[in-house]
C-alpha cells in the first residue's frame, strides 16, 4: 500500500519542467489571477495551485518531455 504525503504551502515555490521554469510572476501572468497556495503530492511539481478565483489542477504531460497542462476551475461558481 502506497501512502501519499500531501503538503499545502502558502508561499510560492518555483518549479521547473523540461521547457519552463515557473515563478510566481510567470504563473500569475499565465492564469491571469493572484496566487494563494499550492499543494505538492510526493512530487517536485505541485498538483494543485489556488488563486483568488480559481483552483488550478496541474497535470503532467504524457509526452516524452517533462511538461504540464493547467486546468482552471472557478472556486465559487455561480449556480442558478
N, C-alpha and C. Protein backbone atom coordinates (compact mmCIF):
# COMPACT_ATOMS: atom_id res chain seq x y z
N UNK A 1 0.84 -1.18 0.00
CA UNK A 1 0.00 0.00 0.00
C UNK A 1 0.88 1.23 0.00
N UNK A 2 0.65 2.15 -0.95
CA UNK A 2 1.43 3.37 -1.05
C UNK A 2 0.69 4.51 -0.37
N UNK A 3 1.38 5.22 0.48
CA UNK A 3 0.81 6.38 1.16
C UNK A 3 1.35 7.64 0.52
N UNK A 4 0.46 8.56 0.15
CA UNK A 4 0.94 9.81 -0.43
C UNK A 4 0.98 10.87 0.66
N UNK A 5 1.99 11.70 0.57
CA UNK A 5 2.15 12.80 1.50
C UNK A 5 1.70 14.07 0.81
N UNK A 6 0.74 14.73 1.39
CA UNK A 6 0.23 15.98 0.82
C UNK A 6 0.75 17.14 1.64
N UNK A 7 1.27 18.12 0.94
CA UNK A 7 1.90 19.25 1.60
C UNK A 7 1.31 20.54 1.04
N UNK A 8 0.54 21.26 1.86
CA UNK A 8 -0.05 22.53 1.46
C UNK A 8 0.89 23.66 1.85
N UNK A 9 1.24 24.50 0.88
CA UNK A 9 2.20 25.58 1.10
C UNK A 9 1.53 26.89 0.72
N UNK A 10 1.64 27.88 1.59
CA UNK A 10 1.01 29.18 1.33
C UNK A 10 1.98 30.22 0.77
N UNK A 11 3.22 29.82 0.53
CA UNK A 11 4.21 30.68 -0.12
C UNK A 11 4.64 30.01 -1.41
N UNK A 12 4.85 30.80 -2.44
CA UNK A 12 5.21 30.27 -3.75
C UNK A 12 6.55 29.54 -3.70
N UNK A 13 6.61 28.40 -4.38
CA UNK A 13 7.85 27.65 -4.56
C UNK A 13 8.04 27.49 -6.06
N UNK A 14 9.16 27.99 -6.60
CA UNK A 14 9.44 27.84 -8.04
C UNK A 14 9.55 26.36 -8.38
N UNK A 15 9.06 25.99 -9.58
CA UNK A 15 9.22 24.61 -10.05
C UNK A 15 9.55 24.64 -11.53
N UNK A 16 10.14 23.55 -12.01
CA UNK A 16 10.69 23.51 -13.36
C UNK A 16 10.23 22.26 -14.09
N UNK A 17 9.94 22.43 -15.38
CA UNK A 17 9.71 21.31 -16.28
C UNK A 17 10.88 21.33 -17.27
N UNK A 18 10.85 20.46 -18.26
CA UNK A 18 11.91 20.45 -19.27
C UNK A 18 11.89 21.70 -20.15
N UNK A 19 10.74 22.36 -20.21
CA UNK A 19 10.60 23.50 -21.12
C UNK A 19 10.46 24.85 -20.44
N UNK A 20 10.19 24.89 -19.14
CA UNK A 20 9.87 26.16 -18.48
C UNK A 20 10.21 26.10 -17.00
N UNK A 21 10.63 27.26 -16.46
CA UNK A 21 10.74 27.44 -15.02
C UNK A 21 9.59 28.35 -14.62
N UNK A 22 8.76 27.89 -13.70
CA UNK A 22 7.57 28.63 -13.28
C UNK A 22 7.87 29.40 -12.01
N UNK A 23 7.86 30.72 -12.12
CA UNK A 23 7.96 31.60 -10.97
C UNK A 23 6.54 32.08 -10.67
N UNK A 24 6.35 32.73 -9.55
CA UNK A 24 5.03 33.25 -9.21
C UNK A 24 4.56 34.24 -10.27
N UNK A 25 5.44 35.12 -10.71
CA UNK A 25 5.09 36.14 -11.70
C UNK A 25 4.66 35.50 -13.03
N UNK A 26 5.42 34.51 -13.49
CA UNK A 26 5.08 33.83 -14.75
C UNK A 26 3.75 33.11 -14.63
N UNK A 27 3.53 32.40 -13.50
CA UNK A 27 2.28 31.67 -13.31
C UNK A 27 1.09 32.62 -13.27
N UNK A 28 1.20 33.72 -12.51
CA UNK A 28 0.09 34.67 -12.41
C UNK A 28 -0.22 35.29 -13.76
N UNK A 29 0.79 35.59 -14.56
CA UNK A 29 0.56 36.11 -15.91
C UNK A 29 -0.14 35.06 -16.78
N UNK A 30 0.26 33.81 -16.64
CA UNK A 30 -0.30 32.73 -17.43
C UNK A 30 -1.78 32.48 -17.13
N UNK A 31 -2.16 32.47 -15.86
CA UNK A 31 -3.56 32.20 -15.49
C UNK A 31 -4.39 33.46 -15.30
N UNK A 32 -3.75 34.61 -15.23
CA UNK A 32 -4.47 35.87 -15.09
C UNK A 32 -5.11 36.05 -13.72
N UNK A 33 -4.46 35.57 -12.67
CA UNK A 33 -5.01 35.67 -11.33
C UNK A 33 -3.88 35.60 -10.31
N UNK A 34 -4.17 35.99 -9.03
CA UNK A 34 -3.16 36.02 -7.98
C UNK A 34 -3.05 34.70 -7.23
N UNK A 35 -1.83 34.26 -7.01
CA UNK A 35 -1.52 33.04 -6.26
C UNK A 35 -1.95 33.17 -4.80
N UNK A 36 -2.46 32.04 -4.23
CA UNK A 36 -2.77 31.99 -2.80
C UNK A 36 -2.09 30.81 -2.09
N UNK A 37 -2.10 29.61 -2.71
CA UNK A 37 -1.49 28.44 -2.06
C UNK A 37 -1.23 27.37 -3.12
N UNK A 38 -0.40 26.39 -2.76
CA UNK A 38 -0.13 25.27 -3.66
C UNK A 38 0.00 23.99 -2.85
N UNK A 39 -0.31 22.84 -3.49
CA UNK A 39 -0.22 21.55 -2.82
C UNK A 39 0.67 20.62 -3.63
N UNK A 40 1.63 20.02 -2.95
CA UNK A 40 2.51 19.03 -3.54
C UNK A 40 2.11 17.66 -3.01
N UNK A 41 2.14 16.65 -3.90
CA UNK A 41 1.86 15.27 -3.51
C UNK A 41 3.04 14.40 -3.93
N UNK A 42 4.04 14.28 -3.08
CA UNK A 42 5.21 13.45 -3.34
C UNK A 42 5.87 13.75 -4.68
N UNK A 43 5.87 14.99 -5.12
CA UNK A 43 6.43 15.37 -6.41
C UNK A 43 7.15 16.71 -6.28
N UNK A 44 7.92 17.05 -7.31
CA UNK A 44 8.60 18.34 -7.32
C UNK A 44 7.79 19.38 -8.09
N UNK A 45 6.65 18.96 -8.66
CA UNK A 45 5.72 19.86 -9.34
C UNK A 45 4.41 19.81 -8.57
N UNK A 46 3.79 20.96 -8.26
CA UNK A 46 2.56 20.94 -7.48
C UNK A 46 1.42 20.23 -8.22
N UNK A 47 0.51 19.65 -7.46
CA UNK A 47 -0.67 19.00 -8.04
C UNK A 47 -1.81 20.00 -8.19
N UNK A 48 -1.90 20.96 -7.25
CA UNK A 48 -2.94 21.99 -7.26
C UNK A 48 -2.34 23.32 -6.89
N UNK A 49 -2.87 24.38 -7.52
CA UNK A 49 -2.49 25.74 -7.14
C UNK A 49 -3.79 26.54 -7.01
N UNK A 50 -3.97 27.17 -5.84
CA UNK A 50 -5.13 28.02 -5.61
C UNK A 50 -4.77 29.45 -5.94
N UNK A 51 -5.68 30.13 -6.64
CA UNK A 51 -5.55 31.56 -6.88
C UNK A 51 -6.78 32.22 -6.27
N UNK A 52 -6.89 33.52 -6.40
CA UNK A 52 -8.02 34.23 -5.83
C UNK A 52 -9.35 33.69 -6.35
N UNK A 53 -9.43 33.40 -7.64
CA UNK A 53 -10.70 32.99 -8.25
C UNK A 53 -10.75 31.56 -8.78
N UNK A 54 -9.63 30.84 -8.77
CA UNK A 54 -9.59 29.52 -9.39
C UNK A 54 -8.84 28.51 -8.54
N UNK A 55 -9.16 27.24 -8.79
CA UNK A 55 -8.31 26.13 -8.37
C UNK A 55 -7.71 25.61 -9.67
N UNK A 56 -6.40 25.58 -9.75
CA UNK A 56 -5.70 25.14 -10.96
C UNK A 56 -5.17 23.73 -10.72
N UNK A 57 -5.63 22.80 -11.55
CA UNK A 57 -5.17 21.43 -11.48
C UNK A 57 -3.98 21.31 -12.42
N UNK A 58 -2.85 20.90 -11.88
CA UNK A 58 -1.62 20.78 -12.67
C UNK A 58 -1.46 19.32 -13.06
N UNK A 59 -1.46 19.05 -14.36
CA UNK A 59 -1.31 17.67 -14.84
C UNK A 59 -0.02 17.55 -15.62
N UNK A 60 0.72 16.49 -15.32
CA UNK A 60 1.94 16.22 -16.08
C UNK A 60 1.58 15.73 -17.47
N UNK A 61 2.39 16.12 -18.43
CA UNK A 61 2.21 15.68 -19.80
C UNK A 61 2.61 14.22 -19.94
N UNK A 62 1.97 13.53 -20.85
CA UNK A 62 2.32 12.12 -21.08
C UNK A 62 3.28 11.97 -22.25
N UNK A 63 3.79 13.09 -22.75
CA UNK A 63 4.75 13.03 -23.84
C UNK A 63 6.13 12.65 -23.32
N UNK A 64 7.08 12.61 -24.21
CA UNK A 64 8.45 12.21 -23.85
C UNK A 64 9.15 13.24 -22.96
N UNK A 65 8.77 14.51 -23.06
CA UNK A 65 9.41 15.54 -22.23
C UNK A 65 8.57 15.81 -20.99
N UNK A 66 9.20 16.30 -19.97
CA UNK A 66 8.53 16.65 -18.72
C UNK A 66 7.88 18.02 -18.90
N UNK A 67 6.55 18.05 -19.06
CA UNK A 67 5.81 19.29 -19.25
C UNK A 67 4.50 19.17 -18.49
N UNK A 68 3.74 20.27 -18.40
CA UNK A 68 2.48 20.26 -17.66
C UNK A 68 1.38 20.93 -18.46
N UNK A 69 0.14 20.67 -18.04
CA UNK A 69 -1.00 21.43 -18.52
C UNK A 69 -1.71 21.96 -17.28
N UNK A 70 -2.42 23.08 -17.42
CA UNK A 70 -3.09 23.71 -16.30
C UNK A 70 -4.57 23.82 -16.63
N UNK A 71 -5.43 23.21 -15.77
CA UNK A 71 -6.87 23.32 -15.92
C UNK A 71 -7.39 24.22 -14.81
N UNK A 72 -8.06 25.33 -15.19
CA UNK A 72 -8.60 26.26 -14.20
C UNK A 72 -10.06 25.94 -13.95
N UNK A 73 -10.43 25.82 -12.66
CA UNK A 73 -11.80 25.59 -12.25
C UNK A 73 -12.20 26.75 -11.33
N UNK A 74 -13.35 27.40 -11.58
CA UNK A 74 -13.77 28.51 -10.70
C UNK A 74 -13.93 28.03 -9.26
N UNK A 75 -13.44 28.83 -8.33
CA UNK A 75 -13.53 28.47 -6.91
C UNK A 75 -14.96 28.60 -6.39
N UNK A 76 -15.67 29.61 -6.83
CA UNK A 76 -17.03 29.85 -6.35
C UNK A 76 -17.97 30.01 -7.54
N UNK A 77 -18.31 28.89 -8.18
CA UNK A 77 -19.18 29.00 -9.35
C UNK A 77 -20.56 29.52 -8.95
N UNK A 78 -21.14 30.33 -9.82
CA UNK A 78 -22.47 30.87 -9.59
C UNK A 78 -23.50 29.87 -10.11
N UNK A 79 -24.22 29.26 -9.19
CA UNK A 79 -25.26 28.29 -9.57
C UNK A 79 -26.61 28.99 -9.51
N UNK A 80 -27.41 28.75 -10.53
CA UNK A 80 -28.73 29.37 -10.55
C UNK A 80 -29.82 28.35 -10.42
